[in-house]
Amino acid sequence: MTQDARDQAHATSPLPENQDDHHKVGNEDLAAAFLRDTEVVEEALEDGKKIRRKGIYLLPNLFTTSALFSGFFAVVAGINGEFTSAAVAIFIAMVLDGLDGRVARMTNTQSAFGAEYDSLADMISFGMAPALVAFTWILQDIGKTGWVVAFLYVACAALRLARFNVQIGSVDKKWFIGLPSPSAAALVAASVWTFHSFDADAFGFKLLMLVVVAAAGILMVSNIRYYSFKDLDFKKPVPFVVLLAVVLGFVMISVEPSVMLLLLFGAYVLSGPIYAVMRKAKPQS
């Protein structure tokens, strides 16, 4: 090929306008490939038809992520010896956990991904966090028995969540089978908050916390039924005295939050065994 032919071929061959455009195209390809490879795809039923849906719903998962953050914060606070902050963080996680499901139902954004994500977040916030906070505060002083009981609670929380996931749709929504993990976590957190506030570090309180943590774990995997409050209709009108009772409840909790929350969730935890005994004692018709 002559020099003139080579110069003509070089002049007619397509070249990028500049090097930045070439890198831009390459970066766009990498970003598109990353989004494609990390996309969440799940099957869902809509109007009786099975469809494949890409992506996740942001709003309910933001509440779940916030609950997960609160649970992780409780773990960090417990390690740093800030037990009051850890207990409060567990209660905040409990509120956020109650909101994510309601928001999903209200906005029709339920998904299998959201359900699994919520369950994993609950394991941190209501399984690992309460056990670790109780252990770092007082159970570690008991030695091997302390960490064994803490592990018992974590294992029971995992089993409780797994059983709840497989029983969805097959049990009466009016009742929980076993103590719900948020209520068990609330009992442990309120106990730590209350006893730590009163500098209760005597051996008797150590044994009491041992019993509380162990009992909360065992009740989670029991077959004792607990009222779920899911059949309450907040859209219907109620007597004025109900609103007055709610206001008085908030006032009482604000006076001594740790003690009142301990009494409240302690009563709920005891309601299950009491109701079970009453059912057994009731004569069969």
C-alpha atoms as a PDB file:
ATOM      1  CA  MET A   1       0.000   0.000   0.000  1.00  0.00           C
ATOM      2  CA  THR A   2       1.393   3.369  -0.998  1.00  0.00           C
ATOM      3  CA  GLN A   3       1.776   6.260   1.417  1.00  0.00           C
ATOM      4  CA  ASP A   4      -1.129   8.112  -0.232  1.00  0.00           C
ATOM      5  CA  ALA A   5      -3.435   5.082   0.199  1.00  0.00           C
ATOM      6  CA  ARG A   6      -2.481   4.763   3.865  1.00  0.00           C
ATOM      7  CA  ASP A   7      -3.142   8.461   4.458  1.00  0.00           C
ATOM      8  CA  GLN A   8      -6.562   8.164   2.777  1.00  0.00           C
ATOM      9  CA  ALA A   9      -7.549   5.105   4.854  1.00  0.00           C
ATOM     10  CA  HIS A  10      -6.484   6.833   8.042  1.00  0.00           C
ATOM     11  CA  ALA A  11      -8.520   9.913   7.124  1.00  0.00           C
ATOM     12  CA  THR A  12     -11.711   7.924   6.433  1.00  0.00           C
ATOM     13  CA  SER A  13     -11.546   5.557   9.474  1.00  0.00           C
ATOM     14  CA  PRO A  14     -13.982   6.452  12.359  1.00  0.00           C
ATOM     15  CA  LEU A  15     -12.309   7.839  15.477  1.00  0.00           C
ATOM     16  CA  PRO A  16     -13.852   8.941  18.769  1.00  0.00           C
ATOM     17  CA  GLU A  17     -14.126  12.677  19.094  1.00  0.00           C
ATOM     18  CA  ASN A  18     -12.064  12.556  22.289  1.00  0.00           C
ATOM     19  CA  GLN A  19     -10.678  10.090  24.785  1.00  0.00           C
ATOM     20  CA  ASP A  20     -13.188  11.142  27.483  1.00  0.00           C
ATOM     21  CA  ASP A  21     -16.124   9.930  25.369  1.00  0.00           C
ATOM     22  CA  HIS A  22     -14.469   6.517  25.074  1.00  0.00           C
ATOM     23  CA  HIS A  23     -14.067   6.227  28.861  1.00  0.00           C
ATOM     24  CA  LYS A  24     -17.636   7.458  29.367  1.00  0.00           C
ATOM     25  CA  VAL A  25     -19.045   4.694  27.200  1.00  0.00           C
ATOM     26  CA  GLY A  26     -16.968   2.116  29.069  1.00  0.00           C
ATOM     27  CA  ASN A  27     -18.101   3.394  32.462  1.00  0.00           C
ATOM     28  CA  GLU A  28     -21.741   3.309  31.378  1.00  0.00           C
ATOM     29  CA  ASP A  29     -21.353  -0.305  30.327  1.00  0.00           C
ATOM     30  CA  LEU A  30     -19.824  -1.219  33.688  1.00  0.00           C
ATOM     31  CA  ALA A  31     -22.594   0.584  35.599  1.00  0.00           C
ATOM     32  CA  ALA A  32     -25.300  -1.082  33.521  1.00  0.00           C
ATOM     33  CA  ALA A  33     -23.703  -4.484  34.048  1.00  0.00           C
ATOM     34  CA  PHE A  34     -23.457  -3.885  37.813  1.00  0.00           C
ATOM     35  CA  LEU A  35     -27.115  -2.855  38.046  1.00  0.00           C
ATOM     36  CA  ARG A  36     -28.170  -5.846  35.977  1.00  0.00           C
ATOM     37  CA  ASP A  37     -26.162  -8.337  38.038  1.00  0.00           C
ATOM     38  CA  THR A  38     -27.323  -6.978  41.407  1.00  0.00           C
ATOM     39  CA  GLU A  39     -30.998  -6.493  40.560  1.00  0.00           C
ATOM     40  CA  VAL A  40     -33.552  -8.202  42.784  1.00  0.00           C
ATOM     41  CA  VAL A  41     -36.045 -10.303  40.836  1.00  0.00           C
ATOM     42  CA  GLU A  42     -38.923 -12.094  42.545  1.00  0.00           C
ATOM     43  CA  GLU A  43     -42.133 -13.794  41.504  1.00  0.00           C
ATOM     44  CA  ALA A  44     -45.409 -12.273  42.687  1.00  0.00           C
ATOM     45  CA  LEU A  45     -49.122 -12.825  42.175  1.00  0.00           C
ATOM     46  CA  GLU A  46     -51.125  -9.943  40.707  1.00  0.00           C
ATOM     47  CA  ASP A  47     -54.763 -10.437  39.728  1.00  0.00           C
ATOM     48  CA  GLY A  48     -54.264 -14.192  40.015  1.00  0.00           C
ATOM     49  CA  LYS A  49     -51.350 -14.199  37.569  1.00  0.00           C
ATOM     50  CA  LYS A  50     -47.755 -14.979  38.405  1.00  0.00           C
ATOM     51  CA  ILE A  51     -45.391 -12.235  37.262  1.00  0.00           C
ATOM     52  CA  ARG A  52     -41.674 -11.550  37.597  1.00  0.00           C
ATOM     53  CA  ARG A  53     -41.018  -8.240  39.328  1.00  0.00           C
ATOM     54  CA  LYS A  54     -37.716  -6.375  39.335  1.00  0.00           C
ATOM     55  CA  GLY A  55     -36.539  -4.000  42.037  1.00  0.00           C
ATOM     56  CA  ILE A  56     -37.622  -3.405  45.621  1.00  0.00           C
ATOM     57  CA  TYR A  57     -40.037  -1.031  47.316  1.00  0.00           C
ATOM     58  CA  LEU A  58     -38.118   1.786  48.996  1.00  0.00           C
ATOM     59  CA  LEU A  59     -40.527   3.142  51.625  1.00  0.00           C
ATOM     60  CA  PRO A  60     -41.176   0.058  53.816  1.00  0.00           C
ATOM     61  CA  ASN A  61     -37.551  -1.050  53.511  1.00  0.00           C
ATOM     62  CA  LEU A  62     -36.416   2.345  54.804  1.00  0.00           C
ATOM     63  CA  PHE A  63     -38.315   1.641  58.034  1.00  0.00           C
ATOM     64  CA  THR A  64     -36.770  -1.839  58.198  1.00  0.00           C
ATOM     65  CA  THR A  65     -33.292  -0.387  57.660  1.00  0.00           C
ATOM     66  CA  SER A  66     -33.916   2.170  60.403  1.00  0.00           C
ATOM     67  CA  ALA A  67     -34.976  -0.623  62.767  1.00  0.00           C
ATOM     68  CA  LEU A  68     -31.836  -2.560  61.845  1.00  0.00           C
ATOM     69  CA  PHE A  69     -29.710   0.509  62.544  1.00  0.00           C
ATOM     70  CA  SER A  70     -31.346   0.925  65.955  1.00  0.00           C
ATOM     71  CA  GLY A  71     -30.630  -2.701  66.782  1.00  0.00           C
ATOM     72  CA  PHE A  72     -26.995  -2.343  65.734  1.00  0.00           C
ATOM     73  CA  PHE A  73     -26.719   0.864  67.742  1.00  0.00           C
ATOM     74  CA  ALA A  74     -28.005  -1.024  70.786  1.00  0.00           C
ATOM     75  CA  VAL A  75     -25.254  -3.603  70.326  1.00  0.00           C
ATOM     76  CA  VAL A  76     -22.558  -0.908  70.093  1.00  0.00           C
ATOM     77  CA  ALA A  77     -23.990   0.994  73.065  1.00  0.00           C
ATOM     78  CA  GLY A  78     -24.070  -2.186  75.140  1.00  0.00           C
ATOM     79  CA  ILE A  79     -20.430  -2.929  74.333  1.00  0.00           C
ATOM     80  CA  ASN A  80     -19.524   0.632  75.364  1.00  0.00           C
ATOM     81  CA  GLY A  81     -21.406   0.303  78.659  1.00  0.00           C
ATOM     82  CA  GLU A  82     -24.196   2.731  77.705  1.00  0.00           C
ATOM     83  CA  PHE A  83     -27.003   0.448  78.796  1.00  0.00           C
ATOM     84  CA  THR A  84     -29.764   3.042  79.027  1.00  0.00           C
ATOM     85  CA  SER A  85     -29.095   4.160  75.446  1.00  0.00           C
ATOM     86  CA  ALA A  86     -28.995   0.515  74.347  1.00  0.00           C
ATOM     87  CA  ALA A  87     -32.378  -0.210  75.928  1.00  0.00           C
ATOM     88  CA  VAL A  88     -33.952   2.889  74.375  1.00  0.00           C
ATOM     89  CA  ALA A  89     -32.556   1.908  70.958  1.00  0.00           C
ATOM     90  CA  ILE A  90     -34.250  -1.509  71.229  1.00  0.00           C
ATOM     91  CA  PHE A  91     -37.582   0.169  71.928  1.00  0.00           C
ATOM     92  CA  ILE A  92     -37.071   2.496  68.956  1.00  0.00           C
ATOM     93  CA  ALA A  93     -36.362  -0.558  66.784  1.00  0.00           C
ATOM     94  CA  MET A  94     -39.583  -2.084  68.080  1.00  0.00           C
ATOM     95  CA  VAL A  95     -41.614   0.974  67.006  1.00  0.00           C
ATOM     96  CA  LEU A  96     -39.983   1.075  63.569  1.00  0.00           C
ATOM     97  CA  ASP A  97     -40.529  -2.666  63.125  1.00  0.00           C
ATOM     98  CA  GLY A  98     -44.215  -2.182  63.778  1.00  0.00           C
ATOM     99  CA  LEU A  99     -44.393   0.604  61.211  1.00  0.00           C
ATOM    100  CA  ASP A 100     -42.720  -1.084  58.239  1.00  0.00           C
ATOM    101  CA  GLY A 101     -45.381  -3.766  57.889  1.00  0.00           C
ATOM    102  CA  ARG A 102     -48.231  -1.300  58.304  1.00  0.00           C
ATOM    103  CA  VAL A 103     -46.706   1.075  55.761  1.00  0.00           C
ATOM    104  CA  ALA A 104     -46.275  -1.798  53.294  1.00  0.00           C
ATOM    105  CA  ARG A 105     -49.922  -2.815  53.678  1.00  0.00           C
ATOM    106  CA  MET A 106     -51.216   0.754  53.478  1.00  0.00           C
ATOM    107  CA  THR A 107     -49.231   1.496  50.307  1.00  0.00           C
ATOM    108  CA  ASN A 108     -49.681  -2.000  48.832  1.00  0.00           C
ATOM    109  CA  THR A 109     -45.909  -2.501  48.672  1.00  0.00           C
ATOM    110  CA  GLN A 110     -45.626  -5.945  50.269  1.00  0.00           C
ATOM    111  CA  SER A 111     -42.948  -8.198  48.819  1.00  0.00           C
ATOM    112  CA  ALA A 112     -41.110 -11.416  49.615  1.00  0.00           C
ATOM    113  CA  PHE A 113     -37.850  -9.466  49.743  1.00  0.00           C
ATOM    114  CA  GLY A 114     -39.310  -7.093  52.344  1.00  0.00           C
ATOM    115  CA  ALA A 115     -40.527  -9.991  54.481  1.00  0.00           C
ATOM    116  CA  GLU A 116     -37.133 -11.702  54.459  1.00  0.00           C
ATOM    117  CA  TYR A 117     -35.284  -8.433  55.098  1.00  0.00           C
ATOM    118  CA  ASP A 118     -37.586  -7.666  58.013  1.00  0.00           C
ATOM    119  CA  SER A 119     -36.961 -11.098  59.526  1.00  0.00           C
ATOM    120  CA  LEU A 120     -33.176 -10.692  59.306  1.00  0.00           C
ATOM    121  CA  ALA A 121     -33.382  -7.215  60.829  1.00  0.00           C
ATOM    122  CA  ASP A 122     -35.524  -8.620  63.668  1.00  0.00           C
ATOM    123  CA  MET A 123     -32.844 -11.197  64.389  1.00  0.00           C
ATOM    124  CA  ILE A 124     -30.362  -8.394  65.063  1.00  0.00           C
ATOM    125  CA  SER A 125     -32.697  -5.992  66.860  1.00  0.00           C
ATOM    126  CA  PHE A 126     -34.698  -8.478  68.941  1.00  0.00           C
ATOM    127  CA  GLY A 127     -32.401 -11.497  69.066  1.00  0.00           C
ATOM    128  CA  MET A 128     -28.766 -10.498  69.218  1.00  0.00           C
ATOM    129  CA  ALA A 129     -29.087  -6.985  70.699  1.00  0.00           C
ATOM    130  CA  PRO A 130     -31.095  -7.810  73.882  1.00  0.00           C
ATOM    131  CA  ALA A 131     -28.969 -10.856  74.664  1.00  0.00           C
ATOM    132  CA  LEU A 132     -25.704  -8.974  74.216  1.00  0.00           C
ATOM    133  CA  VAL A 133     -26.895  -5.961  76.221  1.00  0.00           C
ATOM    134  CA  ALA A 134     -28.036  -8.185  79.108  1.00  0.00           C
ATOM    135  CA  PHE A 135     -24.800 -10.190  78.950  1.00  0.00           C
ATOM    136  CA  THR A 136     -22.447  -7.197  78.918  1.00  0.00           C
ATOM    137  CA  TRP A 137     -24.368  -5.546  81.744  1.00  0.00           C
ATOM    138  CA  ILE A 138     -24.769  -8.318  84.310  1.00  0.00           C
ATOM    139  CA  LEU A 139     -24.904 -11.870  82.926  1.00  0.00           C
ATOM    140  CA  GLN A 140     -21.160 -12.001  82.298  1.00  0.00           C
ATOM    141  CA  ASP A 141     -20.639 -11.774  86.068  1.00  0.00           C
ATOM    142  CA  ILE A 142     -22.257 -15.190  86.448  1.00  0.00           C
ATOM    143  CA  GLY A 143     -19.655 -16.905  84.270  1.00  0.00           C
ATOM    144  CA  LYS A 144     -20.457 -19.741  81.890  1.00  0.00           C
ATOM    145  CA  THR A 145     -24.108 -19.858  82.940  1.00  0.00           C
ATOM    146  CA  GLY A 146     -24.518 -16.238  81.876  1.00  0.00           C
ATOM    147  CA  TRP A 147     -23.325 -16.639  78.304  1.00  0.00           C
ATOM    148  CA  VAL A 148     -25.138 -19.967  77.929  1.00  0.00           C
ATOM    149  CA  VAL A 149     -28.439 -18.299  78.866  1.00  0.00           C
ATOM    150  CA  ALA A 150     -27.669 -15.383  76.535  1.00  0.00           C
ATOM    151  CA  PHE A 151     -27.038 -17.836  73.696  1.00  0.00           C
ATOM    152  CA  LEU A 152     -30.247 -19.696  74.595  1.00  0.00           C
ATOM    153  CA  TYR A 153     -32.157 -16.462  74.082  1.00  0.00           C
ATOM    154  CA  VAL A 154     -30.481 -15.796  70.702  1.00  0.00           C
ATOM    155  CA  ALA A 155     -31.157 -19.346  69.497  1.00  0.00           C
ATOM    156  CA  CYS A 156     -34.796 -19.211  70.612  1.00  0.00           C
ATOM    157  CA  ALA A 157     -35.251 -15.869  68.828  1.00  0.00           C
ATOM    158  CA  ALA A 158     -33.902 -17.392  65.604  1.00  0.00           C
ATOM    159  CA  LEU A 159     -36.173 -20.423  65.951  1.00  0.00           C
ATOM    160  CA  ARG A 160     -39.151 -18.185  66.751  1.00  0.00           C
ATOM    161  CA  LEU A 161     -38.620 -16.071  63.636  1.00  0.00           C
ATOM    162  CA  ALA A 162     -38.113 -19.129  61.424  1.00  0.00           C
ATOM    163  CA  ARG A 163     -41.294 -20.744  62.720  1.00  0.00           C
ATOM    164  CA  PHE A 164     -43.240 -17.521  62.278  1.00  0.00           C
ATOM    165  CA  ASN A 165     -42.113 -17.244  58.644  1.00  0.00           C
ATOM    166  CA  VAL A 166     -43.290 -20.736  57.725  1.00  0.00           C
ATOM    167  CA  GLN A 167     -46.602 -20.365  59.604  1.00  0.00           C
ATOM    168  CA  ILE A 168     -47.718 -17.177  57.839  1.00  0.00           C
ATOM    169  CA  GLY A 169     -51.183 -17.726  56.423  1.00  0.00           C
ATOM    170  CA  SER A 170     -51.758 -20.997  58.281  1.00  0.00           C
ATOM    171  CA  VAL A 171     -52.573 -19.715  61.779  1.00  0.00           C
ATOM    172  CA  ASP A 172     -55.222 -17.456  63.262  1.00  0.00           C
ATOM    173  CA  LYS A 173     -54.033 -13.850  62.889  1.00  0.00           C
ATOM    174  CA  LYS A 174     -55.710 -12.989  66.179  1.00  0.00           C
ATOM    175  CA  TRP A 175     -53.054 -14.932  68.091  1.00  0.00           C
ATOM    176  CA  PHE A 176     -49.276 -15.324  68.085  1.00  0.00           C
ATOM    177  CA  ILE A 177     -47.973 -18.837  68.724  1.00  0.00           C
ATOM    178  CA  GLY A 178     -45.245 -18.185  71.258  1.00  0.00           C
ATOM    179  CA  LEU A 179     -44.095 -14.854  72.646  1.00  0.00           C
ATOM    180  CA  PRO A 180     -43.331 -12.411  69.795  1.00  0.00           C
ATOM    181  CA  SER A 181     -39.636 -11.582  69.582  1.00  0.00           C
ATOM    182  CA  PRO A 182     -40.177  -7.783  69.871  1.00  0.00           C
ATOM    183  CA  SER A 183     -42.083  -8.290  73.138  1.00  0.00           C
ATOM    184  CA  ALA A 184     -39.375 -10.609  74.468  1.00  0.00           C
ATOM    185  CA  ALA A 185     -36.742  -8.015  73.549  1.00  0.00           C
ATOM    186  CA  ALA A 186     -38.818  -5.276  75.203  1.00  0.00           C
ATOM    187  CA  LEU A 187     -39.002  -7.284  78.439  1.00  0.00           C
ATOM    188  CA  VAL A 188     -35.226  -7.798  78.529  1.00  0.00           C
ATOM    189  CA  ALA A 189     -34.476  -4.194  77.532  1.00  0.00           C
ATOM    190  CA  ALA A 190     -36.898  -2.763  80.109  1.00  0.00           C
ATOM    191  CA  SER A 191     -35.376  -4.983  82.806  1.00  0.00           C
ATOM    192  CA  VAL A 192     -31.853  -3.793  81.972  1.00  0.00           C
ATOM    193  CA  TRP A 193     -33.014  -0.166  81.805  1.00  0.00           C
ATOM    194  CA  THR A 194     -34.865  -0.327  85.133  1.00  0.00           C
ATOM    195  CA  PHE A 195     -32.351  -2.283  87.196  1.00  0.00           C
ATOM    196  CA  HIS A 196     -29.377  -0.374  85.779  1.00  0.00           C
ATOM    197  CA  SER A 197     -31.074   2.942  86.604  1.00  0.00           C
ATOM    198  CA  PHE A 198     -31.354   1.837  90.231  1.00  0.00           C
ATOM    199  CA  ASP A 199     -27.769   0.496  90.285  1.00  0.00           C
ATOM    200  CA  ALA A 200     -29.099  -2.964  91.039  1.00  0.00           C
ATOM    201  CA  ASP A 201     -25.986  -5.136  90.893  1.00  0.00           C
ATOM    202  CA  ALA A 202     -26.584  -7.477  93.830  1.00  0.00           C
ATOM    203  CA  PHE A 203     -26.384 -11.222  93.244  1.00  0.00           C
ATOM    204  CA  GLY A 204     -30.160 -11.500  93.555  1.00  0.00           C
ATOM    205  CA  PHE A 205     -30.638  -9.183  90.571  1.00  0.00           C
ATOM    206  CA  LYS A 206     -28.143 -11.232  88.588  1.00  0.00           C
ATOM    207  CA  LEU A 207     -30.212 -14.337  89.205  1.00  0.00           C
ATOM    208  CA  LEU A 208     -33.394 -12.411  88.361  1.00  0.00           C
ATOM    209  CA  MET A 209     -31.961 -11.296  84.996  1.00  0.00           C
ATOM    210  CA  LEU A 210     -30.869 -14.868  84.373  1.00  0.00           C
ATOM    211  CA  VAL A 211     -34.465 -16.025  84.872  1.00  0.00           C
ATOM    212  CA  VAL A 212     -35.921 -13.171  82.804  1.00  0.00           C
ATOM    213  CA  VAL A 213     -33.666 -13.802  79.797  1.00  0.00           C
ATOM    214  CA  ALA A 214     -34.122 -17.571  79.942  1.00  0.00           C
ATOM    215  CA  ALA A 215     -37.893 -17.327  80.378  1.00  0.00           C
ATOM    216  CA  ALA A 216     -38.230 -14.850  77.505  1.00  0.00           C
ATOM    217  CA  GLY A 217     -36.303 -17.195  75.236  1.00  0.00           C
ATOM    218  CA  ILE A 218     -38.289 -20.305  76.186  1.00  0.00           C
ATOM    219  CA  LEU A 219     -41.632 -18.506  75.848  1.00  0.00           C
ATOM    220  CA  MET A 220     -40.716 -17.484  72.290  1.00  0.00           C
ATOM    221  CA  VAL A 221     -40.517 -21.107  71.162  1.00  0.00           C
ATOM    222  CA  SER A 222     -43.423 -22.332  73.284  1.00  0.00           C
ATOM    223  CA  ASN A 223     -46.916 -23.057  71.971  1.00  0.00           C
ATOM    224  CA  ILE A 224     -48.492 -20.547  74.363  1.00  0.00           C
ATOM    225  CA  ARG A 225     -50.809 -18.168  72.539  1.00  0.00           C
ATOM    226  CA  TYR A 226     -50.497 -14.395  72.828  1.00  0.00           C
ATOM    227  CA  TYR A 227     -53.057 -11.878  71.669  1.00  0.00           C
ATOM    228  CA  SER A 228     -51.808 -10.124  68.509  1.00  0.00           C
ATOM    229  CA  PHE A 229     -54.095  -7.041  68.559  1.00  0.00           C
ATOM    230  CA  LYS A 230     -54.388  -7.415  64.768  1.00  0.00           C
ATOM    231  CA  ASP A 231     -58.172  -7.584  64.880  1.00  0.00           C
ATOM    232  CA  LEU A 232     -58.472  -4.103  66.365  1.00  0.00           C
ATOM    233  CA  ASP A 233     -60.100  -1.676  63.947  1.00  0.00           C
ATOM    234  CA  PHE A 234     -58.689   1.800  64.496  1.00  0.00           C
ATOM    235  CA  LYS A 235     -61.055   3.261  61.888  1.00  0.00           C
ATOM    236  CA  LYS A 236     -64.173   2.662  63.982  1.00  0.00           C
ATOM    237  CA  PRO A 237     -65.332   5.232  66.547  1.00  0.00           C
ATOM    238  CA  VAL A 238     -64.564   4.448  70.182  1.00  0.00           C
ATOM    239  CA  PRO A 239     -65.884   5.851  73.474  1.00  0.00           C
ATOM    240  CA  PHE A 240     -64.211   9.016  74.728  1.00  0.00           C
ATOM    241  CA  VAL A 241     -62.897   7.179  77.776  1.00  0.00           C
ATOM    242  CA  VAL A 242     -60.617   5.092  75.508  1.00  0.00           C
ATOM    243  CA  LEU A 243     -58.785   8.197  74.321  1.00  0.00           C
ATOM    244  CA  LEU A 244     -58.576   9.402  77.915  1.00  0.00           C
ATOM    245  CA  ALA A 245     -57.024   6.077  78.936  1.00  0.00           C
ATOM    246  CA  VAL A 246     -54.433   6.378  76.146  1.00  0.00           C
ATOM    247  CA  VAL A 247     -53.509   9.892  77.320  1.00  0.00           C
ATOM    248  CA  LEU A 248     -53.174   8.700  80.921  1.00  0.00           C
ATOM    249  CA  GLY A 249     -51.023   5.823  79.728  1.00  0.00           C
ATOM    250  CA  PHE A 250     -48.607   8.196  78.003  1.00  0.00           C
ATOM    251  CA  VAL A 251     -48.482  10.380  81.110  1.00  0.00           C
ATOM    252  CA  MET A 252     -47.672   7.418  83.341  1.00  0.00           C
ATOM    253  CA  ILE A 253     -44.954   6.184  80.983  1.00  0.00           C
ATOM    254  CA  SER A 254     -43.383   9.649  80.806  1.00  0.00           C
ATOM    255  CA  VAL A 255     -43.149   9.849  84.626  1.00  0.00           C
ATOM    256  CA  GLU A 256     -40.935   6.754  84.915  1.00  0.00           C
ATOM    257  CA  PRO A 257     -40.445   5.231  81.444  1.00  0.00           C
ATOM    258  CA  SER A 258     -38.288   2.265  82.391  1.00  0.00           C
ATOM    259  CA  VAL A 259     -40.508   1.074  85.246  1.00  0.00           C
ATOM    260  CA  MET A 260     -43.781   1.566  83.378  1.00  0.00           C
ATOM    261  CA  LEU A 261     -42.506  -0.179  80.246  1.00  0.00           C
ATOM    262  CA  LEU A 262     -41.273  -3.063  82.390  1.00  0.00           C
ATOM    263  CA  LEU A 263     -44.687  -3.383  84.042  1.00  0.00           C
ATOM    264  CA  LEU A 264     -46.478  -3.091  80.694  1.00  0.00           C
ATOM    265  CA  PHE A 265     -44.480  -5.744  78.852  1.00  0.00           C
ATOM    266  CA  GLY A 266     -44.160  -7.877  81.959  1.00  0.00           C
ATOM    267  CA  ALA A 267     -47.955  -8.019  82.105  1.00  0.00           C
ATOM    268  CA  TYR A 268     -48.133  -8.942  78.409  1.00  0.00           C
ATOM    269  CA  VAL A 269     -45.557 -11.726  78.852  1.00  0.00           C
ATOM    270  CA  LEU A 270     -47.503 -13.126  81.809  1.00  0.00           C
ATOM    271  CA  SER A 271     -50.818 -12.877  79.953  1.00  0.00           C
ATOM    272  CA  GLY A 272     -49.915 -15.859  77.766  1.00  0.00           C
ATOM    273  CA  PRO A 273     -49.325 -18.403  80.563  1.00  0.00           C
ATOM    274  CA  ILE A 274     -52.264 -17.038  82.552  1.00  0.00           C
ATOM    275  CA  TYR A 275     -54.596 -17.408  79.579  1.00  0.00           C
ATOM    276  CA  ALA A 276     -53.263 -20.931  78.941  1.00  0.00           C
ATOM    277  CA  VAL A 277     -53.970 -21.937  82.567  1.00  0.00           C
ATOM    278  CA  MET A 278     -57.471 -20.456  82.357  1.00  0.00           C
ATOM    279  CA  ARG A 279     -58.171 -22.438  79.177  1.00  0.00           C
ATOM    280  CA  LYS A 280     -56.994 -25.641  80.856  1.00  0.00           C
ATOM    281  CA  ALA A 281     -59.092 -24.969  83.949  1.00  0.00           C
ATOM    282  CA  LYS A 282     -62.191 -24.101  81.970  1.00  0.00           C
ATOM    283  CA  PRO A 283     -64.586 -27.062  81.857  1.00  0.00           C
ATOM    284  CA  GLN A 284     -65.107 -28.510  78.407  1.00  0.00           C
ATOM    285  CA  SER A 285     -68.661 -28.020  77.192  1.00  0.00           C
END
